[in-house]
Amino acid sequence: MTGHIKAWNNEAKSWKGGYYSLDLLPPHLKKGRLLDAGCGGGKYALPLRMRGFDIIAADVSLNALKMTGERSASLDLDIGLLASNVYQMPFSDESFDVIWCYGVLQHLLLNERKSAISEFRRLLKKDGLLFIEVMGNGDMRYGGREVEPNTFSRKNGIIYHYFNITELEELLNGFSCMISESRKEKRFNGKSYTRHMISAVAKKIGSVL
């Protein structure tokens, strides 16, 4: 396991609670087997389980999995936990109805991102859905020590890649997809900054969104 992947075990120690938005998830979609690929501290796994999905939460960080396990237990939620990266997973083909991958691909190098998408395609059942959210290249956090185009390494060893829409479309080759982006202004110390996020909902080619 490379250094930028190992770095997440320490990073997880600083995470705090709170659940995040499931706005892209259609209201009628409530059942099925769902892989939370890169679950972190459970910020999506918990509300997705509350929604009705059968959840497998996977992460490279044992600290993150411990946090997810403790939070799910405190809410009496049954969530499966797995220590694994997202680009080489121990499941058979077509194992999942839904894959949720928010805030994860942006922390991988190019070959790892390609491998992850290939793995998601393998793991999804026919007509399965893939939900992705990544940071855009207009984000205020853009920058650092560049290791690949638009990809930077920070002092903590974490990798940050910043996407554009065309790049995400190309990465999702083999899927039909709907891609959207959001730009929100944040103010710090009297100055305005932009949070730029890009999201995708994708199906295998041959399915209709």
N, C-alpha and C. Protein backbone atom coordinates (compact mmCIF):
# COMPACT_ATOMS: atom_id res chain seq x y z
N MET A 1 0.84 -1.19 0.00
CA MET A 1 0.00 0.00 0.00
C MET A 1 0.88 1.24 0.00
N THR A 2 0.62 2.18 -0.92
CA THR A 2 1.45 3.36 -1.05
C THR A 2 1.18 4.38 0.04
N GLY A 3 2.13 5.32 0.19
CA GLY A 3 2.09 6.26 1.31
C GLY A 3 0.84 7.11 1.37
N HIS A 4 0.35 7.59 0.22
CA HIS A 4 -0.84 8.46 0.24
C HIS A 4 -2.10 7.71 0.65
N ILE A 5 -2.09 6.39 0.51
CA ILE A 5 -3.22 5.58 0.99
C ILE A 5 -3.09 5.34 2.49
N LYS A 6 -1.88 4.99 2.95
CA LYS A 6 -1.65 4.77 4.37
C LYS A 6 -1.96 6.01 5.21
N ALA A 7 -1.75 7.20 4.62
CA ALA A 7 -1.93 8.45 5.37
C ALA A 7 -3.34 8.63 5.91
N TRP A 8 -4.30 7.94 5.32
CA TRP A 8 -5.68 8.11 5.76
C TRP A 8 -5.94 7.55 7.16
N ASN A 9 -5.14 6.62 7.61
CA ASN A 9 -5.37 6.06 8.94
C ASN A 9 -5.17 7.13 10.01
N ASN A 10 -4.17 7.99 9.84
CA ASN A 10 -3.97 9.10 10.77
C ASN A 10 -4.98 10.21 10.54
N GLU A 11 -5.31 10.47 9.29
CA GLU A 11 -6.26 11.55 8.97
C GLU A 11 -7.60 11.30 9.63
N ALA A 12 -8.02 10.05 9.70
CA ALA A 12 -9.34 9.72 10.25
C ALA A 12 -9.48 10.09 11.71
N LYS A 13 -8.39 10.19 12.42
CA LYS A 13 -8.45 10.51 13.85
C LYS A 13 -9.02 11.90 14.12
N SER A 14 -8.94 12.78 13.13
CA SER A 14 -9.38 14.16 13.33
C SER A 14 -10.82 14.40 12.87
N TRP A 15 -11.48 13.38 12.33
CA TRP A 15 -12.82 13.57 11.81
C TRP A 15 -13.84 13.76 12.92
N LYS A 16 -14.89 14.49 12.60
CA LYS A 16 -15.97 14.73 13.55
C LYS A 16 -17.27 14.19 12.97
N GLY A 17 -18.32 14.23 13.76
CA GLY A 17 -19.60 13.66 13.36
C GLY A 17 -20.33 14.51 12.34
N GLY A 18 -21.58 14.13 12.06
CA GLY A 18 -22.40 14.87 11.11
C GLY A 18 -22.67 14.07 9.86
N TYR A 19 -23.90 14.14 9.37
CA TYR A 19 -24.28 13.44 8.16
C TYR A 19 -24.38 14.44 7.02
N TYR A 20 -24.23 13.96 5.81
CA TYR A 20 -24.17 14.81 4.64
C TYR A 20 -25.37 14.56 3.73
N SER A 21 -25.51 15.42 2.73
CA SER A 21 -26.69 15.40 1.88
C SER A 21 -26.73 14.18 0.96
N LEU A 22 -27.94 13.67 0.77
CA LEU A 22 -28.20 12.59 -0.18
C LEU A 22 -29.06 13.12 -1.32
N ASP A 23 -28.89 14.40 -1.67
CA ASP A 23 -29.76 15.06 -2.64
C ASP A 23 -29.82 14.37 -3.99
N LEU A 24 -28.71 13.78 -4.45
CA LEU A 24 -28.69 13.15 -5.77
C LEU A 24 -29.40 11.81 -5.80
N LEU A 25 -29.71 11.27 -4.64
CA LEU A 25 -30.35 9.96 -4.56
C LEU A 25 -31.85 10.10 -4.84
N PRO A 26 -32.40 9.44 -5.88
CA PRO A 26 -33.83 9.54 -6.16
C PRO A 26 -34.66 9.08 -4.96
N PRO A 27 -35.75 9.79 -4.64
CA PRO A 27 -36.56 9.45 -3.46
C PRO A 27 -37.08 8.01 -3.46
N HIS A 28 -37.34 7.45 -4.65
CA HIS A 28 -37.89 6.10 -4.72
C HIS A 28 -36.84 5.02 -4.49
N LEU A 29 -35.55 5.41 -4.55
CA LEU A 29 -34.48 4.42 -4.43
C LEU A 29 -34.14 4.22 -2.96
N LYS A 30 -34.59 3.09 -2.40
CA LYS A 30 -34.45 2.86 -0.96
C LYS A 30 -33.99 1.45 -0.61
N LYS A 31 -33.93 0.57 -1.59
CA LYS A 31 -33.61 -0.83 -1.30
C LYS A 31 -32.47 -1.31 -2.19
N GLY A 32 -31.86 -2.40 -1.74
CA GLY A 32 -30.79 -3.02 -2.52
C GLY A 32 -29.49 -3.05 -1.74
N ARG A 33 -28.51 -3.73 -2.32
CA ARG A 33 -27.19 -3.84 -1.70
C ARG A 33 -26.32 -2.69 -2.17
N LEU A 34 -25.79 -1.94 -1.24
CA LEU A 34 -25.04 -0.72 -1.55
C LEU A 34 -23.64 -0.79 -0.97
N LEU A 35 -22.66 -0.46 -1.81
CA LEU A 35 -21.27 -0.35 -1.37
C LEU A 35 -20.93 1.11 -1.17
N ASP A 36 -20.58 1.49 0.05
CA ASP A 36 -20.05 2.82 0.32
C ASP A 36 -18.54 2.71 0.18
N ALA A 37 -18.03 3.09 -1.00
CA ALA A 37 -16.62 2.90 -1.34
C ALA A 37 -15.81 4.09 -0.85
N GLY A 38 -15.13 3.89 0.28
CA GLY A 38 -14.43 4.98 0.95
C GLY A 38 -15.35 5.66 1.94
N CYS A 39 -15.80 4.90 2.92
CA CYS A 39 -16.88 5.34 3.82
C CYS A 39 -16.46 6.39 4.82
N GLY A 40 -15.15 6.54 5.08
CA GLY A 40 -14.73 7.49 6.11
C GLY A 40 -15.34 7.12 7.45
N GLY A 41 -15.84 8.13 8.16
CA GLY A 41 -16.43 7.91 9.47
C GLY A 41 -17.90 7.56 9.44
N GLY A 42 -18.44 7.26 8.25
CA GLY A 42 -19.83 6.83 8.15
C GLY A 42 -20.82 7.94 7.84
N LYS A 43 -20.32 9.09 7.36
CA LYS A 43 -21.21 10.24 7.16
C LYS A 43 -22.28 9.98 6.11
N TYR A 44 -22.01 9.06 5.18
CA TYR A 44 -23.04 8.66 4.22
C TYR A 44 -23.61 7.28 4.53
N ALA A 45 -22.77 6.38 5.02
CA ALA A 45 -23.23 5.01 5.28
C ALA A 45 -24.41 4.98 6.25
N LEU A 46 -24.35 5.81 7.29
CA LEU A 46 -25.42 5.79 8.29
C LEU A 46 -26.76 6.26 7.72
N PRO A 47 -26.83 7.45 7.09
CA PRO A 47 -28.12 7.85 6.53
C PRO A 47 -28.59 6.96 5.39
N LEU A 48 -27.65 6.36 4.64
CA LEU A 48 -28.05 5.43 3.59
C LEU A 48 -28.66 4.17 4.18
N ARG A 49 -28.12 3.70 5.31
CA ARG A 49 -28.71 2.55 5.99
C ARG A 49 -30.08 2.91 6.54
N MET A 50 -30.22 4.12 7.09
CA MET A 50 -31.52 4.58 7.57
C MET A 50 -32.54 4.66 6.44
N ARG A 51 -32.04 4.92 5.26
CA ARG A 51 -32.90 5.01 4.07
C ARG A 51 -33.46 3.64 3.69
N GLY A 52 -32.74 2.55 4.06
CA GLY A 52 -33.25 1.22 3.79
C GLY A 52 -32.29 0.30 3.06
N PHE A 53 -31.13 0.81 2.64
CA PHE A 53 -30.18 -0.01 1.91
C PHE A 53 -29.45 -1.00 2.82
N ASP A 54 -29.06 -2.13 2.23
CA ASP A 54 -28.18 -3.10 2.88
C ASP A 54 -26.75 -2.64 2.59
N ILE A 55 -26.03 -2.17 3.61
CA ILE A 55 -24.78 -1.44 3.41
C ILE A 55 -23.54 -2.28 3.71
N ILE A 56 -22.57 -2.20 2.79
CA ILE A 56 -21.19 -2.60 3.05
C ILE A 56 -20.37 -1.32 3.00
N ALA A 57 -19.73 -0.98 4.11
CA ALA A 57 -18.92 0.23 4.20
C ALA A 57 -17.44 -0.16 4.15
N ALA A 58 -16.73 0.31 3.13
CA ALA A 58 -15.32 -0.06 2.93
C ALA A 58 -14.43 1.16 3.04
N ASP A 59 -13.26 0.99 3.64
CA ASP A 59 -12.29 2.07 3.74
C ASP A 59 -10.90 1.48 3.99
N VAL A 60 -9.87 2.22 3.58
CA VAL A 60 -8.49 1.77 3.84
C VAL A 60 -8.06 2.04 5.27
N SER A 61 -8.79 2.92 5.96
CA SER A 61 -8.41 3.33 7.31
C SER A 61 -9.14 2.51 8.36
N LEU A 62 -8.39 1.81 9.20
CA LEU A 62 -9.01 1.06 10.30
C LEU A 62 -9.64 2.01 11.31
N ASN A 63 -9.04 3.18 11.49
CA ASN A 63 -9.63 4.18 12.39
C ASN A 63 -10.99 4.64 11.88
N ALA A 64 -11.10 4.83 10.56
CA ALA A 64 -12.38 5.23 9.97
C ALA A 64 -13.43 4.14 10.16
N LEU A 65 -13.04 2.89 9.93
CA LEU A 65 -13.99 1.78 10.10
C LEU A 65 -14.43 1.64 11.54
N LYS A 66 -13.50 1.86 12.47
CA LYS A 66 -13.85 1.80 13.89
C LYS A 66 -14.88 2.87 14.22
N MET A 67 -14.69 4.07 13.67
CA MET A 67 -15.62 5.16 13.91
C MET A 67 -17.00 4.85 13.32
N THR A 68 -17.01 4.33 12.10
CA THR A 68 -18.28 3.95 11.48
C THR A 68 -18.98 2.87 12.29
N GLY A 69 -18.23 1.88 12.75
CA GLY A 69 -18.80 0.80 13.55
C GLY A 69 -19.40 1.30 14.85
N GLU A 70 -18.70 2.20 15.53
CA GLU A 70 -19.20 2.75 16.79
C GLU A 70 -20.45 3.58 16.58
N ARG A 71 -20.45 4.39 15.54
CA ARG A 71 -21.62 5.23 15.26
C ARG A 71 -22.82 4.39 14.86
N SER A 72 -22.61 3.36 14.04
CA SER A 72 -23.73 2.52 13.63
C SER A 72 -24.27 1.72 14.82
N ALA A 73 -23.38 1.27 15.69
CA ALA A 73 -23.83 0.52 16.86
C ALA A 73 -24.64 1.41 17.80
N SER A 74 -24.23 2.67 17.95
CA SER A 74 -24.95 3.58 18.85
C SER A 74 -26.36 3.87 18.36
N LEU A 75 -26.57 3.71 17.04
CA LEU A 75 -27.89 3.94 16.45
C LEU A 75 -28.62 2.63 16.14
N ASP A 76 -28.02 1.52 16.56
CA ASP A 76 -28.59 0.20 16.34
C ASP A 76 -28.79 -0.07 14.85
N LEU A 77 -27.78 0.30 14.06
CA LEU A 77 -27.83 0.08 12.62
C LEU A 77 -26.86 -1.04 12.25
N ASP A 78 -27.32 -1.96 11.43
CA ASP A 78 -26.50 -3.09 11.00
C ASP A 78 -25.78 -2.71 9.71
N ILE A 79 -24.48 -2.47 9.79
CA ILE A 79 -23.68 -2.10 8.63
C ILE A 79 -22.45 -3.01 8.55
N GLY A 80 -22.22 -3.62 7.40
CA GLY A 80 -21.03 -4.44 7.22
C GLY A 80 -19.81 -3.58 7.00
N LEU A 81 -18.68 -3.95 7.59
CA LEU A 81 -17.46 -3.17 7.50
C LEU A 81 -16.37 -3.97 6.80
N LEU A 82 -15.59 -3.30 5.94
CA LEU A 82 -14.54 -3.97 5.20
C LEU A 82 -13.32 -3.07 5.07
N ALA A 83 -12.13 -3.58 5.44
CA ALA A 83 -10.88 -2.86 5.22
C ALA A 83 -10.39 -3.16 3.81
N SER A 84 -10.46 -2.15 2.93
CA SER A 84 -10.08 -2.36 1.53
C SER A 84 -9.90 -1.02 0.84
N ASN A 85 -9.02 -0.98 -0.17
CA ASN A 85 -9.01 0.19 -1.05
C ASN A 85 -10.16 0.06 -2.04
N VAL A 86 -10.39 1.10 -2.84
CA VAL A 86 -11.55 1.10 -3.74
C VAL A 86 -11.21 0.62 -5.14
N TYR A 87 -9.93 0.36 -5.41
CA TYR A 87 -9.56 -0.02 -6.77
C TYR A 87 -9.20 -1.49 -6.90
N GLN A 88 -9.36 -2.27 -5.84
CA GLN A 88 -9.14 -3.72 -5.89
C GLN A 88 -9.92 -4.32 -4.73
N MET A 89 -11.15 -4.75 -5.01
CA MET A 89 -12.06 -5.14 -3.94
C MET A 89 -12.41 -6.63 -4.01
N PRO A 90 -12.60 -7.27 -2.85
CA PRO A 90 -12.79 -8.72 -2.79
C PRO A 90 -14.24 -9.17 -2.95
N PHE A 91 -14.89 -8.72 -4.02
CA PHE A 91 -16.27 -9.12 -4.27
C PHE A 91 -16.37 -9.72 -5.66
N SER A 92 -17.35 -10.59 -5.83
CA SER A 92 -17.58 -11.18 -7.14
C SER A 92 -18.27 -10.17 -8.05
N ASP A 93 -18.28 -10.45 -9.36
CA ASP A 93 -18.91 -9.57 -10.34
C ASP A 93 -20.39 -9.36 -9.99
N GLU A 94 -20.87 -8.16 -10.28
CA GLU A 94 -22.29 -7.81 -10.14
C GLU A 94 -22.80 -8.08 -8.72
N SER A 95 -22.05 -7.61 -7.75
CA SER A 95 -22.41 -7.84 -6.35
C SER A 95 -23.30 -6.75 -5.75
N PHE A 96 -23.39 -5.59 -6.42
CA PHE A 96 -24.08 -4.46 -5.80
C PHE A 96 -25.08 -3.80 -6.75
N ASP A 97 -26.17 -3.32 -6.15
CA ASP A 97 -27.17 -2.54 -6.88
C ASP A 97 -26.75 -1.08 -7.01
N VAL A 98 -26.04 -0.59 -5.98
CA VAL A 98 -25.64 0.82 -5.93
C VAL A 98 -24.22 0.89 -5.37
N ILE A 99 -23.41 1.80 -5.94
CA ILE A 99 -22.11 2.13 -5.35
C ILE A 99 -22.09 3.63 -5.08
N TRP A 100 -21.72 3.99 -3.88
CA TRP A 100 -21.65 5.38 -3.44
C TRP A 100 -20.18 5.71 -3.19
N CYS A 101 -19.67 6.71 -3.90
CA CYS A 101 -18.26 7.06 -3.80
C CYS A 101 -18.11 8.58 -3.77
N TYR A 102 -18.27 9.14 -2.59
CA TYR A 102 -18.22 10.60 -2.42
C TYR A 102 -16.92 11.02 -1.76
N GLY A 103 -16.24 11.98 -2.39
CA GLY A 103 -15.03 12.53 -1.80
C GLY A 103 -13.87 11.56 -1.73
N VAL A 104 -13.81 10.62 -2.67
CA VAL A 104 -12.79 9.56 -2.62
C VAL A 104 -11.86 9.60 -3.83
N LEU A 105 -12.42 9.62 -5.04
CA LEU A 105 -11.60 9.58 -6.25
C LEU A 105 -10.60 10.72 -6.30
N GLN A 106 -10.93 11.85 -5.71
CA GLN A 106 -10.04 13.01 -5.72
C GLN A 106 -8.75 12.77 -4.93
N HIS A 107 -8.72 11.70 -4.14
CA HIS A 107 -7.54 11.41 -3.32
C HIS A 107 -6.71 10.26 -3.89
N LEU A 108 -6.93 9.95 -5.19
CA LEU A 108 -6.20 8.87 -5.84
C LEU A 108 -5.39 9.42 -7.01
N LEU A 109 -4.32 8.71 -7.36
CA LEU A 109 -3.56 9.01 -8.55
C LEU A 109 -4.29 8.51 -9.79
N LEU A 110 -3.86 8.95 -10.97
CA LEU A 110 -4.60 8.67 -12.20
C LEU A 110 -4.84 7.19 -12.42
N ASN A 111 -3.83 6.35 -12.33
CA ASN A 111 -4.02 4.91 -12.56
C ASN A 111 -4.95 4.30 -11.53
N GLU A 112 -4.92 4.81 -10.30
CA GLU A 112 -5.81 4.32 -9.25
C GLU A 112 -7.26 4.73 -9.54
N ARG A 113 -7.44 5.95 -10.03
CA ARG A 113 -8.80 6.40 -10.37
C ARG A 113 -9.39 5.54 -11.49
N LYS A 114 -8.57 5.27 -12.51
CA LYS A 114 -9.04 4.42 -13.62
C LYS A 114 -9.37 3.02 -13.13
N SER A 115 -8.53 2.47 -12.26
CA SER A 115 -8.77 1.12 -11.73
C SER A 115 -10.03 1.09 -10.87
N ALA A 116 -10.27 2.15 -10.11
CA ALA A 116 -11.46 2.21 -9.26
C ALA A 116 -12.73 2.19 -10.10
N ILE A 117 -12.77 2.99 -11.16
CA ILE A 117 -13.96 3.03 -12.01
C ILE A 117 -14.16 1.68 -12.71
N SER A 118 -13.08 1.06 -13.15
CA SER A 118 -13.18 -0.27 -13.75
C SER A 118 -13.73 -1.28 -12.75
N GLU A 119 -13.29 -1.16 -11.52
CA GLU A 119 -13.77 -2.05 -10.46
C GLU A 119 -15.25 -1.81 -10.17
N PHE A 120 -15.67 -0.56 -10.14
CA PHE A 120 -17.08 -0.25 -9.91
C PHE A 120 -17.95 -0.82 -11.02
N ARG A 121 -17.48 -0.71 -12.25
CA ARG A 121 -18.23 -1.27 -13.37
C ARG A 121 -18.38 -2.78 -13.22
N ARG A 122 -17.33 -3.44 -12.79
CA ARG A 122 -17.37 -4.89 -12.57
C ARG A 122 -18.34 -5.26 -11.47
N LEU A 123 -18.37 -4.47 -10.41
CA LEU A 123 -19.14 -4.82 -9.22
C LEU A 123 -20.62 -4.50 -9.33
N LEU A 124 -20.99 -3.59 -10.21
CA LEU A 124 -22.39 -3.21 -10.33
C LEU A 124 -23.21 -4.25 -11.09
N LYS A 125 -24.41 -4.49 -10.61
CA LYS A 125 -25.35 -5.34 -11.33
C LYS A 125 -25.88 -4.59 -12.55
N LYS A 126 -26.54 -5.31 -13.43
CA LYS A 126 -27.18 -4.68 -14.57
C LYS A 126 -28.14 -3.60 -14.08
N ASP A 127 -28.08 -2.44 -14.68
CA ASP A 127 -28.89 -1.28 -14.31
C ASP A 127 -28.51 -0.69 -12.95
N GLY A 128 -27.38 -1.13 -12.39
CA GLY A 128 -26.93 -0.56 -11.13
C GLY A 128 -26.48 0.88 -11.30
N LEU A 129 -26.54 1.63 -10.19
CA LEU A 129 -26.21 3.06 -10.20
C LEU A 129 -24.93 3.34 -9.45
N LEU A 130 -24.14 4.25 -10.00
CA LEU A 130 -22.91 4.73 -9.38
C LEU A 130 -23.06 6.21 -9.09
N PHE A 131 -22.87 6.58 -7.82
CA PHE A 131 -22.95 7.98 -7.39
C PHE A 131 -21.55 8.46 -7.01
N ILE A 132 -21.13 9.57 -7.61
CA ILE A 132 -19.78 10.09 -7.39
C ILE A 132 -19.85 11.58 -7.08
N GLU A 133 -19.00 12.02 -6.17
CA GLU A 133 -18.78 13.46 -5.98
C GLU A 133 -17.28 13.69 -5.79
N VAL A 134 -16.75 14.71 -6.49
CA VAL A 134 -15.32 15.04 -6.43
C VAL A 134 -15.15 16.56 -6.38
N MET A 135 -13.94 17.00 -6.07
CA MET A 135 -13.64 18.43 -6.08
C MET A 135 -13.32 18.89 -7.49
N GLY A 136 -13.79 20.09 -7.84
CA GLY A 136 -13.53 20.67 -9.15
C GLY A 136 -12.29 21.54 -9.14
N ASN A 137 -11.77 21.83 -10.33
CA ASN A 137 -10.53 22.59 -10.41
C ASN A 137 -10.68 24.08 -10.17
N GLY A 138 -11.92 24.51 -9.90
CA GLY A 138 -12.13 25.90 -9.50
C GLY A 138 -12.24 26.06 -8.00
N ASP A 139 -11.89 25.01 -7.27
CA ASP A 139 -12.04 25.02 -5.81
C ASP A 139 -10.93 25.83 -5.14
N MET A 140 -11.29 26.46 -4.04
CA MET A 140 -10.36 27.32 -3.30
C MET A 140 -9.17 26.54 -2.74
N ARG A 141 -9.29 25.22 -2.64
CA ARG A 141 -8.22 24.41 -2.07
C ARG A 141 -7.20 23.94 -3.11
N TYR A 142 -7.42 24.33 -4.37
CA TYR A 142 -6.54 23.92 -5.46
C TYR A 142 -5.10 24.37 -5.19
N GLY A 143 -4.16 23.42 -5.33
CA GLY A 143 -2.75 23.77 -5.18
C GLY A 143 -2.01 22.84 -4.24
N GLY A 144 -0.71 23.03 -4.16
CA GLY A 144 0.16 22.18 -3.34
C GLY A 144 1.37 21.76 -4.17
N ARG A 145 1.98 20.68 -3.79
CA ARG A 145 3.13 20.15 -4.56
C ARG A 145 2.59 19.23 -5.64
N GLU A 146 2.70 19.64 -6.88
CA GLU A 146 2.09 18.90 -7.98
C GLU A 146 2.86 17.62 -8.27
N VAL A 147 2.12 16.51 -8.30
CA VAL A 147 2.74 15.20 -8.58
C VAL A 147 2.23 14.60 -9.89
N GLU A 148 1.08 15.04 -10.35
CA GLU A 148 0.50 14.72 -11.64
C GLU A 148 -0.32 15.93 -12.05
N PRO A 149 -0.75 16.05 -13.31
CA PRO A 149 -1.55 17.20 -13.71
C PRO A 149 -2.78 17.39 -12.82
N ASN A 150 -2.90 18.58 -12.24
CA ASN A 150 -4.01 18.94 -11.35
C ASN A 150 -4.11 18.04 -10.13
N THR A 151 -3.01 17.40 -9.76
CA THR A 151 -2.95 16.50 -8.61
C THR A 151 -1.81 16.95 -7.71
N PHE A 152 -2.12 17.11 -6.42
CA PHE A 152 -1.15 17.69 -5.49
C PHE A 152 -1.02 16.83 -4.25
N SER A 153 0.17 16.86 -3.65
CA SER A 153 0.42 16.17 -2.40
C SER A 153 0.55 17.21 -1.29
N ARG A 154 -0.11 16.95 -0.15
CA ARG A 154 -0.05 17.85 0.99
C ARG A 154 0.94 17.32 2.02
N LYS A 155 1.23 18.14 3.03
CA LYS A 155 2.20 17.76 4.05
C LYS A 155 1.81 16.49 4.79
N ASN A 156 0.50 16.26 4.93
CA ASN A 156 0.04 15.06 5.63
C ASN A 156 0.14 13.80 4.78
N GLY A 157 0.60 13.95 3.53
CA GLY A 157 0.74 12.80 2.64
C GLY A 157 -0.48 12.50 1.80
N ILE A 158 -1.59 13.22 2.03
CA ILE A 158 -2.82 13.00 1.29
C ILE A 158 -2.71 13.60 -0.11
N ILE A 159 -3.24 12.89 -1.09
CA ILE A 159 -3.30 13.35 -2.48
C ILE A 159 -4.62 14.09 -2.71
N TYR A 160 -4.55 15.20 -3.47
CA TYR A 160 -5.75 15.94 -3.86
C TYR A 160 -5.72 16.15 -5.37
N HIS A 161 -6.70 15.59 -6.05
CA HIS A 161 -6.85 15.81 -7.49
C HIS A 161 -8.10 16.65 -7.73
N TYR A 162 -8.00 17.59 -8.68
CA TYR A 162 -9.10 18.51 -8.97
C TYR A 162 -9.59 18.26 -10.40
N PHE A 163 -10.86 17.92 -10.54
CA PHE A 163 -11.46 17.48 -11.80
C PHE A 163 -12.07 18.64 -12.58
N ASN A 164 -12.26 18.40 -13.88
CA ASN A 164 -13.20 19.18 -14.66
C ASN A 164 -14.25 18.21 -15.22
N ILE A 165 -15.32 18.74 -15.77
CA ILE A 165 -16.42 17.88 -16.21
C ILE A 165 -16.00 16.93 -17.32
N THR A 166 -15.24 17.44 -18.29
CA THR A 166 -14.80 16.59 -19.40
C THR A 166 -13.98 15.41 -18.91
N GLU A 167 -13.10 15.66 -17.97
CA GLU A 167 -12.26 14.59 -17.42
C GLU A 167 -13.11 13.52 -16.75
N LEU A 168 -14.12 13.94 -15.98
CA LEU A 168 -14.97 12.97 -15.30
C LEU A 168 -15.78 12.17 -16.32
N GLU A 169 -16.25 12.83 -17.38
CA GLU A 169 -16.97 12.12 -18.44
C GLU A 169 -16.08 11.05 -19.07
N GLU A 170 -14.84 11.40 -19.33
CA GLU A 170 -13.91 10.44 -19.94
C GLU A 170 -13.61 9.28 -18.99
N LEU A 171 -13.48 9.59 -17.70
CA LEU A 171 -13.22 8.55 -16.72
C LEU A 171 -14.38 7.57 -16.64
N LEU A 172 -15.59 8.07 -16.87
CA LEU A 172 -16.80 7.25 -16.78
C LEU A 172 -17.17 6.61 -18.12
N ASN A 173 -16.20 6.51 -19.02
CA ASN A 173 -16.43 5.82 -20.28
C ASN A 173 -16.90 4.38 -20.00
N GLY A 174 -17.98 3.99 -20.64
CA GLY A 174 -18.57 2.68 -20.34
C GLY A 174 -19.83 2.81 -19.50
N PHE A 175 -20.13 4.02 -19.09
CA PHE A 175 -21.37 4.33 -18.37
C PHE A 175 -22.15 5.39 -19.16
N SER A 176 -23.46 5.41 -18.98
CA SER A 176 -24.23 6.59 -19.35
C SER A 176 -24.36 7.40 -18.07
N CYS A 177 -24.21 8.70 -18.16
CA CYS A 177 -24.15 9.46 -16.92
C CYS A 177 -24.74 10.85 -17.05
N MET A 178 -25.14 11.38 -15.93
CA MET A 178 -25.56 12.77 -15.78
C MET A 178 -24.58 13.43 -14.83
N ILE A 179 -23.97 14.51 -15.26
CA ILE A 179 -22.96 15.20 -14.46
C ILE A 179 -23.40 16.62 -14.18
N SER A 180 -23.22 17.05 -12.95
CA SER A 180 -23.57 18.42 -12.55
C SER A 180 -22.46 18.98 -11.69
N GLU A 181 -22.44 20.29 -11.55
CA GLU A 181 -21.44 20.91 -10.70
C GLU A 181 -22.07 22.02 -9.88
N SER A 182 -21.44 22.33 -8.77
CA SER A 182 -21.91 23.41 -7.90
C SER A 182 -20.73 24.26 -7.48
N ARG A 183 -20.98 25.55 -7.38
CA ARG A 183 -19.98 26.50 -6.88
C ARG A 183 -20.64 27.32 -5.79
N LYS A 184 -20.08 27.24 -4.60
CA LYS A 184 -20.62 27.97 -3.46
C LYS A 184 -19.56 28.90 -2.90
N GLU A 185 -19.97 30.10 -2.61
CA GLU A 185 -19.03 31.08 -2.08
C GLU A 185 -18.93 30.97 -0.55
N LYS A 186 -17.72 30.98 -0.05
CA LYS A 186 -17.44 30.97 1.38
C LYS A 186 -16.61 32.19 1.73
N ARG A 187 -16.84 32.73 2.90
CA ARG A 187 -16.07 33.91 3.32
C ARG A 187 -15.23 33.58 4.55
N PHE A 188 -13.95 33.90 4.48
CA PHE A 188 -13.03 33.72 5.59
C PHE A 188 -12.21 34.99 5.76
N ASN A 189 -12.25 35.52 6.95
CA ASN A 189 -11.49 36.73 7.26
C ASN A 189 -11.78 37.86 6.27
N GLY A 190 -13.03 37.99 5.92
CA GLY A 190 -13.45 39.07 5.04
C GLY A 190 -13.21 38.83 3.55
N LYS A 191 -12.65 37.68 3.18
CA LYS A 191 -12.39 37.37 1.78
C LYS A 191 -13.32 36.27 1.29
N SER A 192 -13.65 36.33 0.00
CA SER A 192 -14.57 35.35 -0.60
C SER A 192 -13.79 34.26 -1.32
N TYR A 193 -14.21 32.99 -1.09
CA TYR A 193 -13.57 31.84 -1.71
C TYR A 193 -14.66 30.93 -2.31
N THR A 194 -14.25 30.09 -3.25
CA THR A 194 -15.20 29.21 -3.94
C THR A 194 -14.98 27.75 -3.60
N ARG A 195 -16.07 27.06 -3.25
CA ARG A 195 -16.06 25.61 -3.12
C ARG A 195 -16.66 25.04 -4.40
N HIS A 196 -15.88 24.33 -5.17
CA HIS A 196 -16.31 23.80 -6.46
C HIS A 196 -16.38 22.28 -6.39
N MET A 197 -17.58 21.73 -6.58
CA MET A 197 -17.80 20.30 -6.52
C MET A 197 -18.45 19.82 -7.81
N ILE A 198 -18.08 18.62 -8.25
CA ILE A 198 -18.66 17.99 -9.43
C ILE A 198 -19.24 16.64 -9.02
N SER A 199 -20.47 16.38 -9.46
CA SER A 199 -21.17 15.15 -9.08
C SER A 199 -21.63 14.40 -10.32
N ALA A 200 -21.75 13.09 -10.20
CA ALA A 200 -22.22 12.26 -11.31
C ALA A 200 -23.12 11.15 -10.81
N VAL A 201 -24.15 10.85 -11.60
CA VAL A 201 -24.97 9.66 -11.41
C VAL A 201 -24.82 8.86 -12.70
N ALA A 202 -24.34 7.62 -12.60
CA ALA A 202 -23.97 6.86 -13.80
C ALA A 202 -24.56 5.46 -13.80
N LYS A 203 -24.87 4.99 -15.01
CA LYS A 203 -25.28 3.61 -15.24
C LYS A 203 -24.42 3.01 -16.35
N LYS A 204 -24.37 1.70 -16.38
CA LYS A 204 -23.67 1.04 -17.47
C LYS A 204 -24.35 1.38 -18.80
N ILE A 205 -23.57 1.47 -19.86
CA ILE A 205 -24.13 1.73 -21.17
C ILE A 205 -25.13 0.63 -21.54
N GLY A 206 -26.23 1.04 -22.11
CA GLY A 206 -27.28 0.10 -22.42
C GLY A 206 -28.48 0.27 -21.53
N SER A 207 -28.27 1.00 -20.37
CA SER A 207 -29.35 1.33 -19.46
C SER A 207 -29.75 2.78 -19.70
N VAL A 208 -30.96 3.12 -19.36
CA VAL A 208 -31.45 4.48 -19.53
C VAL A 208 -31.61 5.13 -18.18
N LEU A 209 -30.99 6.30 -17.98
CA LEU A 209 -31.09 7.02 -16.69
C LEU A 209 -32.50 7.53 -16.49
